[in-house]
PDB file of all heavy atoms in Angstrom:
ATOM      1  N   ILE A   1      38.102 190.583-100.172  1.00  0.00           N
ATOM      2  CA  ILE A   1      37.726 189.323 -99.669  1.00  0.00           C
ATOM      3  C   ILE A   1      38.124 189.465 -98.198  1.00  0.00           C
ATOM      4  O   ILE A   1      39.290 189.537 -97.788  1.00  0.00           O
ATOM      5  CB  ILE A   1      38.477 188.147-100.383  1.00  0.00           C
ATOM      6  CG1 ILE A   1      38.192 188.247-101.824  1.00  0.00           C
ATOM      7  CG2 ILE A   1      38.008 186.857 -99.810  1.00  0.00           C
ATOM      8  CD1 ILE A   1      36.754 188.040-102.205  1.00  0.00           C
ATOM      9  N   LEU A   2      37.193 189.116 -97.420  1.00  0.00           N
ATOM     10  CA  LEU A   2      37.445 189.029 -95.947  1.00  0.00           C
ATOM     11  C   LEU A   2      37.666 187.569 -95.659  1.00  0.00           C
ATOM     12  O   LEU A   2      36.862 186.790 -95.850  1.00  0.00           O
ATOM     13  CB  LEU A   2      36.210 189.495 -95.022  1.00  0.00           C
ATOM     14  CG  LEU A   2      35.826 190.973 -95.327  1.00  0.00           C
ATOM     15  CD1 LEU A   2      34.655 191.271 -94.515  1.00  0.00           C
ATOM     16  CD2 LEU A   2      36.943 191.962 -95.086  1.00  0.00           C
ATOM     17  N   THR A   3      39.015 187.265 -95.213  1.00  0.00           N
ATOM     18  CA  THR A   3      39.439 185.871 -95.247  1.00  0.00           C
ATOM     19  C   THR A   3      39.112 185.110 -93.995  1.00  0.00           C
ATOM     20  O   THR A   3      39.370 183.844 -93.892  1.00  0.00           O
ATOM     21  CB  THR A   3      40.946 185.814 -95.529  1.00  0.00           C
ATOM     22  OG1 THR A   3      41.624 186.523 -94.496  1.00  0.00           O
ATOM     23  CG2 THR A   3      41.244 186.401 -96.846  1.00  0.00           C
ATOM     24  N   THR A   4      38.910 185.786 -92.768  1.00  0.00           N
ATOM     25  CA  THR A   4      38.520 185.103 -91.572  1.00  0.00           C
ATOM     26  C   THR A   4      37.073 185.420 -91.226  1.00  0.00           C
ATOM     27  O   THR A   4      36.657 186.626 -91.407  1.00  0.00           O
ATOM     28  CB  THR A   4      39.547 185.401 -90.492  1.00  0.00           C
ATOM     29  OG1 THR A   4      39.442 186.826 -90.318  1.00  0.00           O
ATOM     30  CG2 THR A   4      40.905 184.972 -90.861  1.00  0.00           C
ATOM     31  N   PRO A   5      36.370 184.718 -90.475  1.00  0.00           N
ATOM     32  CA  PRO A   5      34.913 184.967 -90.073  1.00  0.00           C
ATOM     33  C   PRO A   5      34.904 186.118 -89.090  1.00  0.00           C
ATOM     34  O   PRO A   5      33.698 186.730 -89.002  1.00  0.00           O
ATOM     35  CB  PRO A   5      34.389 183.641 -89.427  1.00  0.00           C
ATOM     36  CG  PRO A   5      35.338 182.612 -89.895  1.00  0.00           C
ATOM     37  CD  PRO A   5      36.741 183.287 -90.194  1.00  0.00           C
ATOM     38  N   ASP A   6      35.989 186.449 -88.424  1.00  0.00           N
ATOM     39  CA  ASP A   6      35.892 187.586 -87.533  1.00  0.00           C
ATOM     40  C   ASP A   6      36.405 188.894 -88.031  1.00  0.00           C
ATOM     41  O   ASP A   6      36.590 189.932 -87.388  1.00  0.00           O
ATOM     42  CB  ASP A   6      36.441 187.164 -86.212  1.00  0.00           C
ATOM     43  CG  ASP A   6      38.030 186.822 -86.366  1.00  0.00           C
ATOM     44  OD1 ASP A   6      38.506 186.655 -87.559  1.00  0.00           O
ATOM     45  OD2 ASP A   6      38.707 186.839 -85.322  1.00  0.00           O
ATOM     46  N   ALA A   7      36.871 188.974 -89.319  1.00  0.00           N
ATOM     47  CA  ALA A   7      37.564 190.185 -89.901  1.00  0.00           C
ATOM     48  C   ALA A   7      36.608 191.339 -89.768  1.00  0.00           C
ATOM     49  O   ALA A   7      37.041 192.472 -89.322  1.00  0.00           O
ATOM     50  CB  ALA A   7      37.884 189.891 -91.370  1.00  0.00           C
ATOM     51  N   LEU A   8      35.392 191.298 -90.098  1.00  0.00           N
ATOM     52  CA  LEU A   8      34.488 192.422 -89.993  1.00  0.00           C
ATOM     53  C   LEU A   8      34.191 192.825 -88.529  1.00  0.00           C
ATOM     54  O   LEU A   8      34.254 193.931 -88.175  1.00  0.00           O
ATOM     55  CB  LEU A   8      33.190 192.126 -90.722  1.00  0.00           C
ATOM     56  CG  LEU A   8      32.103 193.279 -90.787  1.00  0.00           C
ATOM     57  CD1 LEU A   8      32.667 194.498 -91.428  1.00  0.00           C
ATOM     58  CD2 LEU A   8      30.828 192.835 -91.439  1.00  0.00           C
ATOM     59  N   ALA A   9      34.082 191.799 -87.695  1.00  0.00           N
ATOM     60  CA  ALA A   9      33.935 192.137 -86.245  1.00  0.00           C
ATOM     61  C   ALA A   9      35.201 192.843 -85.734  1.00  0.00           C
ATOM     62  O   ALA A   9      35.029 193.806 -84.953  1.00  0.00           O
ATOM     63  CB  ALA A   9      33.740 190.887 -85.429  1.00  0.00           C
ATOM     64  N   LYS A  10      36.364 192.475 -86.071  1.00  0.00           N
ATOM     65  CA  LYS A  10      37.559 193.113 -85.603  1.00  0.00           C
ATOM     66  C   LYS A  10      37.680 194.610 -86.191  1.00  0.00           C
ATOM     67  O   LYS A  10      37.939 195.564 -85.402  1.00  0.00           O
ATOM     68  CB  LYS A  10      38.820 192.399 -86.045  1.00  0.00           C
ATOM     69  CG  LYS A  10      39.021 191.199 -85.326  1.00  0.00           C
ATOM     70  CD  LYS A  10      40.264 190.430 -85.803  1.00  0.00           C
ATOM     71  CE  LYS A  10      40.589 189.109 -85.101  1.00  0.00           C
ATOM     72  NZ  LYS A  10      41.801 188.437 -85.541  1.00  0.00           N
ATOM     73  N   PHE A  11      37.296 194.845 -87.414  1.00  0.00           N
ATOM     74  CA  PHE A  11      37.247 196.114 -88.062  1.00  0.00           C
ATOM     75  C   PHE A  11      36.239 196.972 -87.223  1.00  0.00           C
ATOM     76  O   PHE A  11      36.493 198.086 -86.862  1.00  0.00           O
ATOM     77  CB  PHE A  11      36.902 196.122 -89.463  1.00  0.00           C
ATOM     78  CG  PHE A  11      37.048 197.405 -90.176  1.00  0.00           C
ATOM     79  CD1 PHE A  11      38.281 197.822 -90.546  1.00  0.00           C
ATOM     80  CD2 PHE A  11      35.923 198.162 -90.492  1.00  0.00           C
ATOM     81  CE1 PHE A  11      38.335 199.086 -91.320  1.00  0.00           C
ATOM     82  CE2 PHE A  11      35.920 199.299 -91.063  1.00  0.00           C
ATOM     83  CZ  PHE A  11      37.090 199.803 -91.451  1.00  0.00           C
ATOM     84  N   MET A  12      35.016 196.428 -86.993  1.00  0.00           N
ATOM     85  CA  MET A  12      33.983 197.158 -86.215  1.00  0.00           C
ATOM     86  C   MET A  12      34.389 197.529 -84.893  1.00  0.00           C
ATOM     87  O   MET A  12      34.030 198.586 -84.480  1.00  0.00           O
ATOM     88  CB  MET A  12      32.692 196.330 -86.245  1.00  0.00           C
ATOM     89  CG  MET A  12      31.894 196.213 -87.477  1.00  0.00           C
ATOM     90  SD  MET A  12      31.471 197.836 -88.200  1.00  0.00           S
ATOM     91  CE  MET A  12      30.409 198.432 -86.774  1.00  0.00           C
ATOM     92  N   ASN A  13      35.193 196.675 -84.249  1.00  0.00           N
ATOM     93  CA  ASN A  13      35.748 197.000 -82.834  1.00  0.00           C
ATOM     94  C   ASN A  13      36.469 198.327 -82.901  1.00  0.00           C
ATOM     95  O   ASN A  13      36.462 199.066 -82.029  1.00  0.00           O
ATOM     96  CB  ASN A  13      36.508 195.823 -82.344  1.00  0.00           C
ATOM     97  CG  ASN A  13      37.064 196.111 -80.978  1.00  0.00           C
ATOM     98  OD1 ASN A  13      36.238 196.454 -80.021  1.00  0.00           O
ATOM     99  ND2 ASN A  13      38.334 195.859 -80.773  1.00  0.00           N
ATOM    100  N   TYR A  14      37.371 198.384 -83.922  1.00  0.00           N
ATOM    101  CA  TYR A  14      38.008 199.679 -84.078  1.00  0.00           C
ATOM    102  C   TYR A  14      37.202 200.832 -84.430  1.00  0.00           C
ATOM    103  O   TYR A  14      37.302 201.941 -84.018  1.00  0.00           O
ATOM    104  CB  TYR A  14      39.313 199.491 -85.004  1.00  0.00           C
ATOM    105  CG  TYR A  14      40.439 198.755 -84.485  1.00  0.00           C
ATOM    106  CD1 TYR A  14      40.655 197.353 -84.801  1.00  0.00           C
ATOM    107  CD2 TYR A  14      41.407 199.503 -83.583  1.00  0.00           C
ATOM    108  CE1 TYR A  14      41.832 196.817 -84.314  1.00  0.00           C
ATOM    109  CE2 TYR A  14      42.486 198.832 -83.119  1.00  0.00           C
ATOM    110  CZ  TYR A  14      42.618 197.518 -83.472  1.00  0.00           C
ATOM    111  OH  TYR A  14      43.726 196.896 -82.892  1.00  0.00           O
ATOM    112  N   LEU A  15      36.346 200.627 -85.355  1.00  0.00           N
ATOM    113  CA  LEU A  15      35.417 201.657 -85.832  1.00  0.00           C
ATOM    114  C   LEU A  15      34.516 202.257 -84.693  1.00  0.00           C
ATOM    115  O   LEU A  15      34.385 203.441 -84.647  1.00  0.00           O
ATOM    116  CB  LEU A  15      34.507 201.071 -87.004  1.00  0.00           C
ATOM    117  CG  LEU A  15      33.663 202.041 -87.756  1.00  0.00           C
ATOM    118  CD1 LEU A  15      34.391 203.143 -88.238  1.00  0.00           C
ATOM    119  CD2 LEU A  15      32.707 201.353 -88.802  1.00  0.00           C
ATOM    120  N   GLU A  16      34.169 201.353 -83.857  1.00  0.00           N
ATOM    121  CA  GLU A  16      33.334 201.922 -82.615  1.00  0.00           C
ATOM    122  C   GLU A  16      34.230 202.721 -81.824  1.00  0.00           C
ATOM    123  O   GLU A  16      33.670 203.597 -80.879  1.00  0.00           O
ATOM    124  CB  GLU A  16      32.761 200.665 -81.970  1.00  0.00           C
ATOM    125  CG  GLU A  16      31.589 200.163 -82.834  1.00  0.00           C
ATOM    126  CD  GLU A  16      31.118 198.733 -82.277  1.00  0.00           C
ATOM    127  OE1 GLU A  16      31.714 198.241 -81.398  1.00  0.00           O
ATOM    128  OE2 GLU A  16      30.069 198.219 -82.790  1.00  0.00           O
ATOM    129  N   LYS A  17      35.560 202.780 -81.893  1.00  0.00           N
ATOM    130  CA  LYS A  17      36.337 203.586 -81.020  1.00  0.00           C
ATOM    131  C   LYS A  17      36.720 204.838 -81.727  1.00  0.00           C
ATOM    132  O   LYS A  17      37.388 205.753 -81.143  1.00  0.00           O
ATOM    133  CB  LYS A  17      37.658 202.796 -80.673  1.00  0.00           C
ATOM    134  CG  LYS A  17      37.361 201.645 -79.951  1.00  0.00           C
ATOM    135  CD  LYS A  17      38.721 200.719 -79.652  1.00  0.00           C
ATOM    136  CE  LYS A  17      38.390 199.522 -78.894  1.00  0.00           C
ATOM    137  NZ  LYS A  17      39.551 198.683 -78.788  1.00  0.00           N
ATOM    138  N   THR A  18      36.158 205.081 -82.963  1.00  0.00           N
ATOM    139  CA  THR A  18      36.568 206.312 -83.588  1.00  0.00           C
ATOM    140  C   THR A  18      35.546 207.534 -83.249  1.00  0.00           C
ATOM    141  O   THR A  18      34.495 207.181 -82.784  1.00  0.00           O
ATOM    142  CB  THR A  18      36.549 206.163 -85.091  1.00  0.00           C
ATOM    143  OG1 THR A  18      35.294 205.749 -85.609  1.00  0.00           O
ATOM    144  CG2 THR A  18      37.529 205.109 -85.531  1.00  0.00           C
ATOM    145  N   GLY A  19      36.013 208.712 -83.519  1.00  0.00           N
ATOM    146  CA  GLY A  19      35.114 209.775 -83.234  1.00  0.00           C
ATOM    147  C   GLY A  19      34.191 210.005 -84.395  1.00  0.00           C
ATOM    148  O   GLY A  19      34.368 209.338 -85.420  1.00  0.00           O
ATOM    149  N   PRO A  20      33.224 210.912 -84.312  1.00  0.00           N
ATOM    150  CA  PRO A  20      32.208 211.090 -85.349  1.00  0.00           C
ATOM    151  C   PRO A  20      32.738 211.648 -86.559  1.00  0.00           C
ATOM    152  O   PRO A  20      32.073 211.493 -87.631  1.00  0.00           O
ATOM    153  CB  PRO A  20      31.270 212.113 -84.704  1.00  0.00           C
ATOM    154  CG  PRO A  20      31.954 212.685 -83.543  1.00  0.00           C
ATOM    155  CD  PRO A  20      32.948 211.671 -83.076  1.00  0.00           C
ATOM    156  N   ASP A  21      33.938 212.173 -86.645  1.00  0.00           N
ATOM    157  CA  ASP A  21      34.467 212.724 -87.890  1.00  0.00           C
ATOM    158  C   ASP A  21      35.789 212.141 -88.228  1.00  0.00           C
ATOM    159  O   ASP A  21      36.525 212.537 -89.073  1.00  0.00           O
ATOM    160  CB  ASP A  21      34.676 214.218 -87.681  1.00  0.00           C
ATOM    161  CG  ASP A  21      33.325 214.947 -87.730  1.00  0.00           C
ATOM    162  OD1 ASP A  21      32.630 214.692 -88.510  1.00  0.00           O
ATOM    163  OD2 ASP A  21      33.146 215.697 -86.719  1.00  0.00           O
ATOM    164  N   ASP A  22      36.065 210.889 -87.644  1.00  0.00           N
ATOM    165  CA  ASP A  22      37.232 210.062 -88.017  1.00  0.00           C
ATOM    166  C   ASP A  22      36.878 209.192 -89.273  1.00  0.00           C
ATOM    167  O   ASP A  22      35.700 208.775 -89.272  1.00  0.00           O
ATOM    168  CB  ASP A  22      37.705 209.185 -86.806  1.00  0.00           C
ATOM    169  CG  ASP A  22      38.430 209.928 -85.780  1.00  0.00           C
ATOM    170  OD1 ASP A  22      38.995 211.002 -86.181  1.00  0.00           O
ATOM    171  OD2 ASP A  22      38.273 209.655 -84.688  1.00  0.00           O
ATOM    172  N   ILE A  23      37.823 208.822 -90.127  1.00  0.00           N
ATOM    173  CA  ILE A  23      37.681 207.863 -91.178  1.00  0.00           C
ATOM    174  C   ILE A  23      38.644 206.862 -90.875  1.00  0.00           C
ATOM    175  O   ILE A  23      39.703 207.155 -90.801  1.00  0.00           O
ATOM    176  CB  ILE A  23      37.832 208.714 -92.552  1.00  0.00           C
ATOM    177  CG1 ILE A  23      36.880 209.738 -92.680  1.00  0.00           C
ATOM    178  CG2 ILE A  23      37.602 207.632 -93.620  1.00  0.00           C
ATOM    179  CD1 ILE A  23      37.090 210.611 -93.858  1.00  0.00           C
ATOM    180  N   LEU A  24      38.127 205.535 -90.888  1.00  0.00           N
ATOM    181  CA  LEU A  24      38.966 204.409 -90.614  1.00  0.00           C
ATOM    182  C   LEU A  24      39.173 203.479 -91.849  1.00  0.00           C
ATOM    183  O   LEU A  24      38.301 203.408 -92.614  1.00  0.00           O
ATOM    184  CB  LEU A  24      38.313 203.591 -89.472  1.00  0.00           C
ATOM    185  CG  LEU A  24      39.006 202.308 -89.049  1.00  0.00           C
ATOM    186  CD1 LEU A  24      40.239 202.620 -88.288  1.00  0.00           C
ATOM    187  CD2 LEU A  24      37.944 201.465 -88.247  1.00  0.00           C
ATOM    188  N   GLY A  25      40.420 203.152 -92.069  1.00  0.00           N
ATOM    189  CA  GLY A  25      40.751 202.257 -93.270  1.00  0.00           C
ATOM    190  C   GLY A  25      41.744 201.201 -92.938  1.00  0.00           C
ATOM    191  O   GLY A  25      42.409 201.343 -91.810  1.00  0.00           O
ATOM    192  N   VAL A  26      41.943 200.369 -93.995  1.00  0.00           N
ATOM    193  CA  VAL A  26      42.914 199.272 -93.737  1.00  0.00           C
ATOM    194  C   VAL A  26      44.212 199.441 -94.492  1.00  0.00           C
ATOM    195  O   VAL A  26      45.148 198.768 -94.457  1.00  0.00           O
ATOM    196  CB  VAL A  26      42.332 197.952 -94.196  1.00  0.00           C
ATOM    197  CG1 VAL A  26      41.064 197.529 -93.262  1.00  0.00           C
ATOM    198  CG2 VAL A  26      41.830 197.910 -95.566  1.00  0.00           C
ATOM    199  N   ALA A  27      44.310 200.574 -95.339  1.00  0.00           N
ATOM    200  CA  ALA A  27      45.509 200.911 -96.003  1.00  0.00           C
ATOM    201  C   ALA A  27      45.551 202.425 -96.231  1.00  0.00           C
ATOM    202  O   ALA A  27      44.468 203.078 -96.494  1.00  0.00           O
ATOM    203  CB  ALA A  27      45.554 200.227 -97.299  1.00  0.00           C
ATOM    204  N   GLY A  28      46.723 203.029 -96.087  1.00  0.00           N
ATOM    205  CA  GLY A  28      46.834 204.394 -96.332  1.00  0.00           C
ATOM    206  C   GLY A  28      48.211 204.949 -96.138  1.00  0.00           C
ATOM    207  O   GLY A  28      49.205 204.131 -96.230  1.00  0.00           O
ATOM    208  N   THR A  29      48.251 206.292 -95.804  1.00  0.00           N
ATOM    209  CA  THR A  29      49.567 206.888 -95.686  1.00  0.00           C
ATOM    210  C   THR A  29      49.629 207.732 -94.381  1.00  0.00           C
ATOM    211  O   THR A  29      48.688 208.146 -93.895  1.00  0.00           O
ATOM    212  CB  THR A  29      49.884 207.784 -96.830  1.00  0.00           C
ATOM    213  OG1 THR A  29      48.902 208.847 -96.832  1.00  0.00           O
ATOM    214  CG2 THR A  29      49.858 207.155 -98.136  1.00  0.00           C
ATOM    215  N   LYS A  30      50.921 207.856 -93.907  1.00  0.00           N
ATOM    216  CA  LYS A  30      51.173 208.710 -92.828  1.00  0.00           C
ATOM    217  C   LYS A  30      52.417 209.415 -93.443  1.00  0.00           C
ATOM    218  O   LYS A  30      53.411 208.919 -93.832  1.00  0.00           O
ATOM    219  CB  LYS A  30      51.531 207.977 -91.602  1.00  0.00           C
ATOM    220  CG  LYS A  30      51.787 208.888 -90.395  1.00  0.00           C
ATOM    221  CD  LYS A  30      51.840 208.001 -89.145  1.00  0.00           C
ATOM    222  CE  LYS A  30      52.101 209.027 -87.801  1.00  0.00           C
ATOM    223  NZ  LYS A  30      50.983 209.849 -87.578  1.00  0.00           N
ATOM    224  N   PHE A  31      52.272 210.771 -93.620  1.00  0.00           N
ATOM    225  CA  PHE A  31      53.354 211.590 -94.304  1.00  0.00           C
ATOM    226  C   PHE A  31      54.718 211.275 -93.877  1.00  0.00           C
ATOM    227  O   PHE A  31      55.688 211.368 -94.554  1.00  0.00           O
ATOM    228  CB  PHE A  31      52.988 212.902 -94.336  1.00  0.00           C
ATOM    229  CG  PHE A  31      51.573 213.287 -95.085  1.00  0.00           C
ATOM    230  CD1 PHE A  31      50.788 214.304 -94.557  1.00  0.00           C
ATOM    231  CD2 PHE A  31      51.170 212.514 -96.091  1.00  0.00           C
ATOM    232  CE1 PHE A  31      49.600 214.649 -95.196  1.00  0.00           C
ATOM    233  CE2 PHE A  31      49.971 212.816 -96.743  1.00  0.00           C
ATOM    234  CZ  PHE A  31      49.189 213.917 -96.274  1.00  0.00           C
ATOM    235  N   GLU A  32      54.917 210.912 -92.522  1.00  0.00           N
ATOM    236  CA  GLU A  32      56.356 210.786 -92.041  1.00  0.00           C
ATOM    237  C   GLU A  32      56.946 209.516 -92.445  1.00  0.00           C
ATOM    238  O   GLU A  32      58.054 209.167 -92.340  1.00  0.00           O
ATOM    239  CB  GLU A  32      56.325 210.852 -90.597  1.00  0.00           C
ATOM    240  CG  GLU A  32      55.768 212.252 -90.030  1.00  0.00           C
ATOM    241  CD  GLU A  32      54.390 212.264 -89.847  1.00  0.00           C
ATOM    242  OE1 GLU A  32      53.673 211.284 -89.409  1.00  0.00           O
ATOM    243  OE2 GLU A  32      53.755 213.369 -90.126  1.00  0.00           O
ATOM    244  N   ILE A  33      55.989 208.478 -92.905  1.00  0.00           N
ATOM    245  CA  ILE A  33      56.513 207.216 -93.291  1.00  0.00           C
ATOM    246  C   ILE A  33      56.377 206.976 -94.869  1.00  0.00           C
ATOM    247  O   ILE A  33      55.213 207.064 -95.433  1.00  0.00           O
ATOM    248  CB  ILE A  33      55.679 206.121 -92.523  1.00  0.00           C
ATOM    249  CG1 ILE A  33      55.667 206.264 -90.989  1.00  0.00           C
ATOM    250  CG2 ILE A  33      56.103 204.754 -93.006  1.00  0.00           C
ATOM    251  CD1 ILE A  33      54.841 205.442 -90.201  1.00  0.00           C
TER     252      ILE A  33
END
């Protein structure tokens, strides 16, 4: 559930900064953490 009207726009702002082979998500792991 996207709880604010700008949630998708904020996600898209980050997605547009990724490279062609990057995968962007809202939850995940970093092996050191």
